Amino acid sequence: KGRFTISRDNAKNTVYLQMNSLKAEDTAVYYCAAAPKVGTMA
């Protein structure tokens, strides 16, 4: 929170993850995923 920003462009069928102030602990394989619906934000 405060370092990464998620956004989407439905016209381009694309979702983005802007990652700033990266730390060593951010090292990982990053996956995007799609869910048909979710009940709550959490």
ModelCIF file with pLDDT and N, C-alpha, C, O atoms, coordinates in Angstrom:
data_MODEL
#
_entry.id   MODEL 
#
_entity.id                         1 
_entity.type                       polymer 
_entity.pdbx_number_of_molecules   1 
#
_entity_poly.entity_id                      1 
_entity_poly.type                           'polypeptide(L)' 
_entity_poly.nstd_linkage                   no 
_entity_poly.nstd_monomer                   no 
_entity_poly.pdbx_seq_one_letter_code       KGRFTISRDNAKNTVYLQMNSLKAEDTAVYYCAAAPKVGTMA 
_entity_poly.pdbx_seq_one_letter_code_can   KGRFTISRDNAKNTVYLQMNSLKAEDTAVYYCAAAPKVGTMA 
_entity_poly.pdbx_strand_id                 A 
#
loop_
_entity_poly_seq.entity_id 
_entity_poly_seq.num 
_entity_poly_seq.mon_id 
_entity_poly_seq.hetero 
1 1  LYS n 
1 2  GLY n 
1 3  ARG n 
1 4  PHE n 
1 5  THR n 
1 6  ILE n 
1 7  SER n 
1 8  ARG n 
1 9  ASP n 
1 10 ASN n 
1 11 ALA n 
1 12 LYS n 
1 13 ASN n 
1 14 THR n 
1 15 VAL n 
1 16 TYR n 
1 17 LEU n 
1 18 GLN n 
1 19 MET n 
1 20 ASN n 
1 21 SER n 
1 22 LEU n 
1 23 LYS n 
1 24 ALA n 
1 25 GLU n 
1 26 ASP n 
1 27 THR n 
1 28 ALA n 
1 29 VAL n 
1 30 TYR n 
1 31 TYR n 
1 32 CYS n 
1 33 ALA n 
1 34 ALA n 
1 35 ALA n 
1 36 PRO n 
1 37 LYS n 
1 38 VAL n 
1 39 GLY n 
1 40 THR n 
1 41 MET n 
1 42 ALA n 
#
_struct_asym.id          A 
_struct_asym.entity_id   1 
#
loop_
_ma_qa_metric.id 
_ma_qa_metric.mode 
_ma_qa_metric.name 
_ma_qa_metric.software_group_id 
_ma_qa_metric.type 
1 global pLDDT . pLDDT 
2 local  pLDDT . pLDDT 
#
_ma_qa_metric_global.metric_id      1 
_ma_qa_metric_global.metric_value   94.98 
_ma_qa_metric_global.model_id       1 
_ma_qa_metric_global.ordinal_id     1 
#
loop_
_ma_qa_metric_local.label_asym_id 
_ma_qa_metric_local.label_comp_id 
_ma_qa_metric_local.label_seq_id 
_ma_qa_metric_local.metric_id 
_ma_qa_metric_local.metric_value 
_ma_qa_metric_local.model_id 
_ma_qa_metric_local.ordinal_id 
A LYS 1  2 98.00 1 1  
A GLY 2  2 98.00 1 2  
A ARG 3  2 98.00 1 3  
A PHE 4  2 98.00 1 4  
A THR 5  2 98.00 1 5  
A ILE 6  2 98.00 1 6  
A SER 7  2 98.00 1 7  
A ARG 8  2 97.00 1 8  
A ASP 9  2 96.00 1 9  
A ASN 10 2 95.00 1 10 
A ALA 11 2 94.00 1 11 
A LYS 12 2 95.00 1 12 
A ASN 13 2 96.00 1 13 
A THR 14 2 97.00 1 14 
A VAL 15 2 98.00 1 15 
A TYR 16 2 98.00 1 16 
A LEU 17 2 98.00 1 17 
A GLN 18 2 98.00 1 18 
A MET 19 2 98.00 1 19 
A ASN 20 2 98.00 1 20 
A SER 21 2 98.00 1 21 
A LEU 22 2 98.00 1 22 
A LYS 23 2 98.00 1 23 
A ALA 24 2 97.00 1 24 
A GLU 25 2 97.00 1 25 
A ASP 26 2 98.00 1 26 
A THR 27 2 98.00 1 27 
A ALA 28 2 98.00 1 28 
A VAL 29 2 98.00 1 29 
A TYR 30 2 98.00 1 30 
A TYR 31 2 98.00 1 31 
A CYS 32 2 98.00 1 32 
A ALA 33 2 97.00 1 33 
A ALA 34 2 96.00 1 34 
A ALA 35 2 94.00 1 35 
A PRO 36 2 89.00 1 36 
A LYS 37 2 81.00 1 37 
A VAL 38 2 81.00 1 38 
A GLY 39 2 80.00 1 39 
A THR 40 2 83.00 1 40 
A MET 41 2 84.00 1 41 
A ALA 42 2 86.00 1 42 
#
loop_
_atom_site.group_PDB 
_atom_site.id 
_atom_site.type_symbol 
_atom_site.label_atom_id 
_atom_site.label_alt_id 
_atom_site.label_comp_id 
_atom_site.label_asym_id 
_atom_site.label_entity_id 
_atom_site.label_seq_id 
_atom_site.pdbx_PDB_ins_code 
_atom_site.Cartn_x 
_atom_site.Cartn_y 
_atom_site.Cartn_z 
_atom_site.occupancy 
_atom_site.B_iso_or_equiv 
_atom_site.pdbx_formal_charge 
_atom_site.auth_seq_id 
_atom_site.auth_comp_id 
_atom_site.auth_asym_id 
_atom_site.auth_atom_id 
_atom_site.pdbx_PDB_model_num 
ATOM 1   N N  . LYS A 1 1  ? 0.842   -1.204  0.000   1.00 98.00 ? 1  LYS A N  1 
ATOM 2   C CA . LYS A 1 1  ? 0.000   0.000   0.000   1.00 98.00 ? 1  LYS A CA 1 
ATOM 3   C C  . LYS A 1 1  ? 0.872   1.247   0.000   1.00 98.00 ? 1  LYS A C  1 
ATOM 4   O O  . LYS A 1 1  ? 1.812   1.361   0.788   1.00 98.00 ? 1  LYS A O  1 
ATOM 5   N N  . GLY A 1 2  ? 0.554   2.177   -0.888  1.00 98.00 ? 2  GLY A N  1 
ATOM 6   C CA . GLY A 1 2  ? 1.321   3.410   -1.011  1.00 98.00 ? 2  GLY A CA 1 
ATOM 7   C C  . GLY A 1 2  ? 2.500   3.309   -1.964  1.00 98.00 ? 2  GLY A C  1 
ATOM 8   O O  . GLY A 1 2  ? 3.087   4.327   -2.332  1.00 98.00 ? 2  GLY A O  1 
ATOM 9   N N  . ARG A 1 3  ? 2.855   2.091   -2.369  1.00 98.00 ? 3  ARG A N  1 
ATOM 10  C CA . ARG A 1 3  ? 3.983   1.902   -3.306  1.00 98.00 ? 3  ARG A CA 1 
ATOM 11  C C  . ARG A 1 3  ? 3.521   1.353   -4.651  1.00 98.00 ? 3  ARG A C  1 
ATOM 12  O O  . ARG A 1 3  ? 4.078   1.701   -5.691  1.00 98.00 ? 3  ARG A O  1 
ATOM 13  N N  . PHE A 1 4  ? 2.508   0.498   -4.630  1.00 98.00 ? 4  PHE A N  1 
ATOM 14  C CA . PHE A 1 4  ? 2.005   -0.135  -5.853  1.00 98.00 ? 4  PHE A CA 1 
ATOM 15  C C  . PHE A 1 4  ? 0.642   0.453   -6.217  1.00 98.00 ? 4  PHE A C  1 
ATOM 16  O O  . PHE A 1 4  ? -0.132  0.860   -5.351  1.00 98.00 ? 4  PHE A O  1 
ATOM 17  N N  . THR A 1 5  ? 0.372   0.485   -7.527  1.00 98.00 ? 5  THR A N  1 
ATOM 18  C CA . THR A 1 5  ? -0.925  0.947   -8.013  1.00 98.00 ? 5  THR A CA 1 
ATOM 19  C C  . THR A 1 5  ? -1.428  -0.006  -9.082  1.00 98.00 ? 5  THR A C  1 
ATOM 20  O O  . THR A 1 5  ? -0.732  -0.287  -10.058 1.00 98.00 ? 5  THR A O  1 
ATOM 21  N N  . ILE A 1 6  ? -2.645  -0.500  -8.890  1.00 98.00 ? 6  ILE A N  1 
ATOM 22  C CA . ILE A 1 6  ? -3.272  -1.361  -9.885  1.00 98.00 ? 6  ILE A CA 1 
ATOM 23  C C  . ILE A 1 6  ? -4.261  -0.523  -10.688 1.00 98.00 ? 6  ILE A C  1 
ATOM 24  O O  . ILE A 1 6  ? -4.939  0.350   -10.147 1.00 98.00 ? 6  ILE A O  1 
ATOM 25  N N  . SER A 1 7  ? -4.330  -0.802  -11.972 1.00 98.00 ? 7  SER A N  1 
ATOM 26  C CA . SER A 1 7  ? -5.286  -0.112  -12.844 1.00 98.00 ? 7  SER A CA 1 
ATOM 27  C C  . SER A 1 7  ? -5.640  -1.038  -13.995 1.00 98.00 ? 7  SER A C  1 
ATOM 28  O O  . SER A 1 7  ? -4.981  -2.056  -14.211 1.00 98.00 ? 7  SER A O  1 
ATOM 29  N N  . ARG A 1 8  ? -6.673  -0.684  -14.725 1.00 97.00 ? 8  ARG A N  1 
ATOM 30  C CA . ARG A 1 8  ? -7.080  -1.506  -15.864 1.00 97.00 ? 8  ARG A CA 1 
ATOM 31  C C  . ARG A 1 8  ? -7.583  -0.603  -16.985 1.00 97.00 ? 8  ARG A C  1 
ATOM 32  O O  . ARG A 1 8  ? -8.067  0.504   -16.751 1.00 97.00 ? 8  ARG A O  1 
ATOM 33  N N  . ASP A 1 9  ? -7.453  -1.110  -18.206 1.00 96.00 ? 9  ASP A N  1 
ATOM 34  C CA . ASP A 1 9  ? -7.981  -0.443  -19.384 1.00 96.00 ? 9  ASP A CA 1 
ATOM 35  C C  . ASP A 1 9  ? -8.847  -1.469  -20.104 1.00 96.00 ? 9  ASP A C  1 
ATOM 36  O O  . ASP A 1 9  ? -8.332  -2.330  -20.817 1.00 96.00 ? 9  ASP A O  1 
ATOM 37  N N  . ASN A 1 10 ? -10.136 -1.382  -19.922 1.00 95.00 ? 10 ASN A N  1 
ATOM 38  C CA . ASN A 1 10 ? -11.030 -2.390  -20.489 1.00 95.00 ? 10 ASN A CA 1 
ATOM 39  C C  . ASN A 1 10 ? -11.067 -2.324  -22.017 1.00 95.00 ? 10 ASN A C  1 
ATOM 40  O O  . ASN A 1 10 ? -11.351 -3.327  -22.671 1.00 95.00 ? 10 ASN A O  1 
ATOM 41  N N  . ALA A 1 11 ? -10.786 -1.172  -22.578 1.00 94.00 ? 11 ALA A N  1 
ATOM 42  C CA . ALA A 1 11 ? -10.748 -1.066  -24.039 1.00 94.00 ? 11 ALA A CA 1 
ATOM 43  C C  . ALA A 1 11 ? -9.572  -1.850  -24.613 1.00 94.00 ? 11 ALA A C  1 
ATOM 44  O O  . ALA A 1 11 ? -9.617  -2.297  -25.759 1.00 94.00 ? 11 ALA A O  1 
ATOM 45  N N  . LYS A 1 12 ? -8.523  -2.014  -23.813 1.00 95.00 ? 12 LYS A N  1 
ATOM 46  C CA . LYS A 1 12 ? -7.330  -2.745  -24.257 1.00 95.00 ? 12 LYS A CA 1 
ATOM 47  C C  . LYS A 1 12 ? -7.244  -4.135  -23.641 1.00 95.00 ? 12 LYS A C  1 
ATOM 48  O O  . LYS A 1 12 ? -6.277  -4.858  -23.880 1.00 95.00 ? 12 LYS A O  1 
ATOM 49  N N  . ASN A 1 13 ? -8.241  -4.515  -22.852 1.00 96.00 ? 13 ASN A N  1 
ATOM 50  C CA . ASN A 1 13 ? -8.223  -5.826  -22.188 1.00 96.00 ? 13 ASN A CA 1 
ATOM 51  C C  . ASN A 1 13 ? -6.934  -6.035  -21.399 1.00 96.00 ? 13 ASN A C  1 
ATOM 52  O O  . ASN A 1 13 ? -6.331  -7.106  -21.458 1.00 96.00 ? 13 ASN A O  1 
ATOM 53  N N  . THR A 1 14 ? -6.520  -5.022  -20.670 1.00 97.00 ? 14 THR A N  1 
ATOM 54  C CA . THR A 1 14 ? -5.229  -5.067  -19.976 1.00 97.00 ? 14 THR A CA 1 
ATOM 55  C C  . THR A 1 14 ? -5.359  -4.528  -18.558 1.00 97.00 ? 14 THR A C  1 
ATOM 56  O O  . THR A 1 14 ? -6.059  -3.547  -18.309 1.00 97.00 ? 14 THR A O  1 
ATOM 57  N N  . VAL A 1 15 ? -4.675  -5.185  -17.645 1.00 98.00 ? 15 VAL A N  1 
ATOM 58  C CA . VAL A 1 15 ? -4.558  -4.709  -16.274 1.00 98.00 ? 15 VAL A CA 1 
ATOM 59  C C  . VAL A 1 15 ? -3.080  -4.457  -15.985 1.00 98.00 ? 15 VAL A C  1 
ATOM 60  O O  . VAL A 1 15 ? -2.208  -5.176  -16.473 1.00 98.00 ? 15 VAL A O  1 
ATOM 61  N N  . TYR A 1 16 ? -2.817  -3.437  -15.194 1.00 98.00 ? 16 TYR A N  1 
ATOM 62  C CA . TYR A 1 16 ? -1.442  -3.012  -14.927 1.00 98.00 ? 16 TYR A CA 1 
ATOM 63  C C  . TYR A 1 16 ? -1.144  -3.043  -13.431 1.00 98.00 ? 16 TYR A C  1 
ATOM 64  O O  . TYR A 1 16 ? -2.042  -2.957  -12.594 1.00 98.00 ? 16 TYR A O  1 
ATOM 65  N N  . LEU A 1 17 ? 0.130   -3.169  -13.128 1.00 98.00 ? 17 LEU A N  1 
ATOM 66  C CA . LEU A 1 17 ? 0.590   -3.012  -11.753 1.00 98.00 ? 17 LEU A CA 1 
ATOM 67  C C  . LEU A 1 17 ? 1.833   -2.125  -11.792 1.00 98.00 ? 17 LEU A C  1 
ATOM 68  O O  . LEU A 1 17 ? 2.907   -2.567  -12.200 1.00 98.00 ? 17 LEU A O  1 
ATOM 69  N N  . GLN A 1 18 ? 1.682   -0.886  -11.369 1.00 98.00 ? 18 GLN A N  1 
ATOM 70  C CA . GLN A 1 18 ? 2.810   0.023   -11.264 1.00 98.00 ? 18 GLN A CA 1 
ATOM 71  C C  . GLN A 1 18 ? 3.454   -0.172  -9.895  1.00 98.00 ? 18 GLN A C  1 
ATOM 72  O O  . GLN A 1 18 ? 2.800   -0.019  -8.864  1.00 98.00 ? 18 GLN A O  1 
ATOM 73  N N  . MET A 1 19 ? 4.731   -0.507  -9.896  1.00 98.00 ? 19 MET A N  1 
ATOM 74  C CA . MET A 1 19 ? 5.438   -0.804  -8.662  1.00 98.00 ? 19 MET A CA 1 
ATOM 75  C C  . MET A 1 19 ? 6.561   0.209   -8.470  1.00 98.00 ? 19 MET A C  1 
ATOM 76  O O  . MET A 1 19 ? 7.495   0.268   -9.269  1.00 98.00 ? 19 MET A O  1 
ATOM 77  N N  . ASN A 1 20 ? 6.470   0.992   -7.427  1.00 98.00 ? 20 ASN A N  1 
ATOM 78  C CA . ASN A 1 20 ? 7.479   2.000   -7.111  1.00 98.00 ? 20 ASN A CA 1 
ATOM 79  C C  . ASN A 1 20 ? 8.151   1.672   -5.783  1.00 98.00 ? 20 ASN A C  1 
ATOM 80  O O  . ASN A 1 20 ? 7.648   0.863   -5.003  1.00 98.00 ? 20 ASN A O  1 
ATOM 81  N N  . SER A 1 21 ? 9.271   2.297   -5.542  1.00 98.00 ? 21 SER A N  1 
ATOM 82  C CA . SER A 1 21 ? 10.013  2.108   -4.285  1.00 98.00 ? 21 SER A CA 1 
ATOM 83  C C  . SER A 1 21 ? 10.184  0.633   -3.964  1.00 98.00 ? 21 SER A C  1 
ATOM 84  O O  . SER A 1 21 ? 9.911   0.186   -2.851  1.00 98.00 ? 21 SER A O  1 
ATOM 85  N N  . LEU A 1 22 ? 10.635  -0.101  -4.946  1.00 98.00 ? 22 LEU A N  1 
ATOM 86  C CA . LEU A 1 22 ? 10.747  -1.547  -4.786  1.00 98.00 ? 22 LEU A CA 1 
ATOM 87  C C  . LEU A 1 22 ? 11.782  -1.926  -3.741  1.00 98.00 ? 22 LEU A C  1 
ATOM 88  O O  . LEU A 1 22 ? 12.801  -1.259  -3.564  1.00 98.00 ? 22 LEU A O  1 
ATOM 89  N N  . LYS A 1 23 ? 11.480  -3.030  -3.051  1.00 98.00 ? 23 LYS A N  1 
ATOM 90  C CA . LYS A 1 23 ? 12.350  -3.544  -1.998  1.00 98.00 ? 23 LYS A CA 1 
ATOM 91  C C  . LYS A 1 23 ? 12.778  -4.968  -2.357  1.00 98.00 ? 23 LYS A C  1 
ATOM 92  O O  . LYS A 1 23 ? 12.152  -5.625  -3.189  1.00 98.00 ? 23 LYS A O  1 
ATOM 93  N N  . ALA A 1 24 ? 13.839  -5.427  -1.725  1.00 97.00 ? 24 ALA A N  1 
ATOM 94  C CA . ALA A 1 24 ? 14.312  -6.789  -1.982  1.00 97.00 ? 24 ALA A CA 1 
ATOM 95  C C  . ALA A 1 24 ? 13.210  -7.809  -1.686  1.00 97.00 ? 24 ALA A C  1 
ATOM 96  O O  . ALA A 1 24 ? 13.107  -8.830  -2.366  1.00 97.00 ? 24 ALA A O  1 
ATOM 97  N N  . GLU A 1 25 ? 12.401  -7.534  -0.687  1.00 97.00 ? 25 GLU A N  1 
ATOM 98  C CA . GLU A 1 25 ? 11.342  -8.479  -0.320  1.00 97.00 ? 25 GLU A CA 1 
ATOM 99  C C  . GLU A 1 25 ? 10.185  -8.509  -1.318  1.00 97.00 ? 25 GLU A C  1 
ATOM 100 O O  . GLU A 1 25 ? 9.272   -9.323  -1.176  1.00 97.00 ? 25 GLU A O  1 
ATOM 101 N N  . ASP A 1 26 ? 10.210  -7.641  -2.317  1.00 98.00 ? 26 ASP A N  1 
ATOM 102 C CA . ASP A 1 26 ? 9.214   -7.710  -3.383  1.00 98.00 ? 26 ASP A CA 1 
ATOM 103 C C  . ASP A 1 26 ? 9.592   -8.731  -4.454  1.00 98.00 ? 26 ASP A C  1 
ATOM 104 O O  . ASP A 1 26 ? 8.812   -8.990  -5.370  1.00 98.00 ? 26 ASP A O  1 
ATOM 105 N N  . THR A 1 27 ? 10.776  -9.303  -4.342  1.00 98.00 ? 27 THR A N  1 
ATOM 106 C CA . THR A 1 27 ? 11.225  -10.300 -5.302  1.00 98.00 ? 27 THR A CA 1 
ATOM 107 C C  . THR A 1 27 ? 10.314  -11.516 -5.280  1.00 98.00 ? 27 THR A C  1 
ATOM 108 O O  . THR A 1 27 ? 10.092  -12.119 -4.230  1.00 98.00 ? 27 THR A O  1 
ATOM 109 N N  . ALA A 1 28 ? 9.785   -11.874 -6.450  1.00 98.00 ? 28 ALA A N  1 
ATOM 110 C CA . ALA A 1 28 ? 8.848   -12.989 -6.554  1.00 98.00 ? 28 ALA A CA 1 
ATOM 111 C C  . ALA A 1 28 ? 8.438   -13.154 -8.009  1.00 98.00 ? 28 ALA A C  1 
ATOM 112 O O  . ALA A 1 28 ? 8.762   -12.327 -8.861  1.00 98.00 ? 28 ALA A O  1 
ATOM 113 N N  . VAL A 1 29 ? 7.724   -14.234 -8.274  1.00 98.00 ? 29 VAL A N  1 
ATOM 114 C CA . VAL A 1 29 ? 7.013   -14.363 -9.539  1.00 98.00 ? 29 VAL A CA 1 
ATOM 115 C C  . VAL A 1 29 ? 5.641   -13.735 -9.342  1.00 98.00 ? 29 VAL A C  1 
ATOM 116 O O  . VAL A 1 29 ? 4.925   -14.066 -8.396  1.00 98.00 ? 29 VAL A O  1 
ATOM 117 N N  . TYR A 1 30 ? 5.282   -12.832 -10.236 1.00 98.00 ? 30 TYR A N  1 
ATOM 118 C CA . TYR A 1 30 ? 4.015   -12.122 -10.152 1.00 98.00 ? 30 TYR A CA 1 
ATOM 119 C C  . TYR A 1 30 ? 3.016   -12.700 -11.157 1.00 98.00 ? 30 TYR A C  1 
ATOM 120 O O  . TYR A 1 30 ? 3.326   -12.900 -12.332 1.00 98.00 ? 30 TYR A O  1 
ATOM 121 N N  . TYR A 1 31 ? 1.820   -12.958 -10.657 1.00 98.00 ? 31 TYR A N  1 
ATOM 122 C CA . TYR A 1 31 ? 0.763   -13.549 -11.469 1.00 98.00 ? 31 TYR A CA 1 
ATOM 123 C C  . TYR A 1 31 ? -0.447  -12.615 -11.513 1.00 98.00 ? 31 TYR A C  1 
ATOM 124 O O  . TYR A 1 31 ? -0.802  -12.001 -10.507 1.00 98.00 ? 31 TYR A O  1 
ATOM 125 N N  . CYS A 1 32 ? -1.068  -12.515 -12.673 1.00 98.00 ? 32 CYS A N  1 
ATOM 126 C CA . CYS A 1 32 ? -2.373  -11.867 -12.703 1.00 98.00 ? 32 CYS A CA 1 
ATOM 127 C C  . CYS A 1 32 ? -3.442  -12.954 -12.766 1.00 98.00 ? 32 CYS A C  1 
ATOM 128 O O  . CYS A 1 32 ? -3.195  -14.072 -13.218 1.00 98.00 ? 32 CYS A O  1 
ATOM 129 N N  . ALA A 1 33 ? -4.626  -12.595 -12.304 1.00 97.00 ? 33 ALA A N  1 
ATOM 130 C CA . ALA A 1 33 ? -5.706  -13.558 -12.210 1.00 97.00 ? 33 ALA A CA 1 
ATOM 131 C C  . ALA A 1 33 ? -7.046  -12.856 -12.417 1.00 97.00 ? 33 ALA A C  1 
ATOM 132 O O  . ALA A 1 33 ? -7.179  -11.655 -12.185 1.00 97.00 ? 33 ALA A O  1 
ATOM 133 N N  . ALA A 1 34 ? -8.030  -13.633 -12.857 1.00 96.00 ? 34 ALA A N  1 
ATOM 134 C CA . ALA A 1 34 ? -9.364  -13.092 -13.126 1.00 96.00 ? 34 ALA A CA 1 
ATOM 135 C C  . ALA A 1 34 ? -10.401 -13.852 -12.317 1.00 96.00 ? 34 ALA A C  1 
ATOM 136 O O  . ALA A 1 34 ? -10.391 -15.081 -12.255 1.00 96.00 ? 34 ALA A O  1 
ATOM 137 N N  . ALA A 1 35 ? -11.296 -13.093 -11.698 1.00 94.00 ? 35 ALA A N  1 
ATOM 138 C CA . ALA A 1 35 ? -12.375 -13.673 -10.908 1.00 94.00 ? 35 ALA A CA 1 
ATOM 139 C C  . ALA A 1 35 ? -13.708 -13.192 -11.473 1.00 94.00 ? 35 ALA A C  1 
ATOM 140 O O  . ALA A 1 35 ? -13.862 -12.003 -11.750 1.00 94.00 ? 35 ALA A O  1 
ATOM 141 N N  . PRO A 1 36 ? -14.677 -14.099 -11.650 1.00 89.00 ? 36 PRO A N  1 
ATOM 142 C CA . PRO A 1 36 ? -15.961 -13.683 -12.221 1.00 89.00 ? 36 PRO A CA 1 
ATOM 143 C C  . PRO A 1 36 ? -16.720 -12.698 -11.338 1.00 89.00 ? 36 PRO A C  1 
ATOM 144 O O  . PRO A 1 36 ? -17.433 -11.828 -11.838 1.00 89.00 ? 36 PRO A O  1 
ATOM 145 N N  . LYS A 1 37 ? -16.564 -12.837 -10.047 1.00 81.00 ? 37 LYS A N  1 
ATOM 146 C CA . LYS A 1 37 ? -17.176 -11.890 -9.127  1.00 81.00 ? 37 LYS A CA 1 
ATOM 147 C C  . LYS A 1 37 ? -16.605 -12.131 -7.740  1.00 81.00 ? 37 LYS A C  1 
ATOM 148 O O  . LYS A 1 37 ? -16.131 -13.225 -7.434  1.00 81.00 ? 37 LYS A O  1 
ATOM 149 N N  . VAL A 1 38 ? -16.654 -11.119 -6.919  1.00 81.00 ? 38 VAL A N  1 
ATOM 150 C CA . VAL A 1 38 ? -16.277 -11.263 -5.520  1.00 81.00 ? 38 VAL A CA 1 
ATOM 151 C C  . VAL A 1 38 ? -17.336 -10.576 -4.673  1.00 81.00 ? 38 VAL A C  1 
ATOM 152 O O  . VAL A 1 38 ? -17.934 -9.586  -5.096  1.00 81.00 ? 38 VAL A O  1 
ATOM 153 N N  . GLY A 1 39 ? -17.561 -11.098 -3.490  1.00 80.00 ? 39 GLY A N  1 
ATOM 154 C CA . GLY A 1 39 ? -18.639 -10.553 -2.676  1.00 80.00 ? 39 GLY A CA 1 
ATOM 155 C C  . GLY A 1 39 ? -18.284 -9.253  -1.989  1.00 80.00 ? 39 GLY A C  1 
ATOM 156 O O  . GLY A 1 39 ? -19.134 -8.377  -1.834  1.00 80.00 ? 39 GLY A O  1 
ATOM 157 N N  . THR A 1 40 ? -17.026 -9.120  -1.575  1.00 83.00 ? 40 THR A N  1 
ATOM 158 C CA . THR A 1 40 ? -16.592 -7.926  -0.855  1.00 83.00 ? 40 THR A CA 1 
ATOM 159 C C  . THR A 1 40 ? -15.218 -7.513  -1.353  1.00 83.00 ? 40 THR A C  1 
ATOM 160 O O  . THR A 1 40 ? -14.552 -8.259  -2.072  1.00 83.00 ? 40 THR A O  1 
ATOM 161 N N  . MET A 1 41 ? -14.807 -6.327  -0.966  1.00 84.00 ? 41 MET A N  1 
ATOM 162 C CA . MET A 1 41 ? -13.463 -5.874  -1.348  1.00 84.00 ? 41 MET A CA 1 
ATOM 163 C C  . MET A 1 41 ? -12.415 -6.818  -0.774  1.00 84.00 ? 41 MET A C  1 
ATOM 164 O O  . MET A 1 41 ? -11.459 -7.186  -1.457  1.00 84.00 ? 41 MET A O  1 
ATOM 165 N N  . ALA A 1 42 ? -12.596 -7.205  0.474   1.00 86.00 ? 42 ALA A N  1 
ATOM 166 C CA . ALA A 1 42 ? -11.622 -8.087  1.115   1.00 86.00 ? 42 ALA A CA 1 
ATOM 167 C C  . ALA A 1 42 ? -11.538 -9.432  0.413   1.00 86.00 ? 42 ALA A C  1 
ATOM 168 O O  . ALA A 1 42 ? -10.764 -10.296 0.825   1.00 86.00 ? 42 ALA A O  1 
#
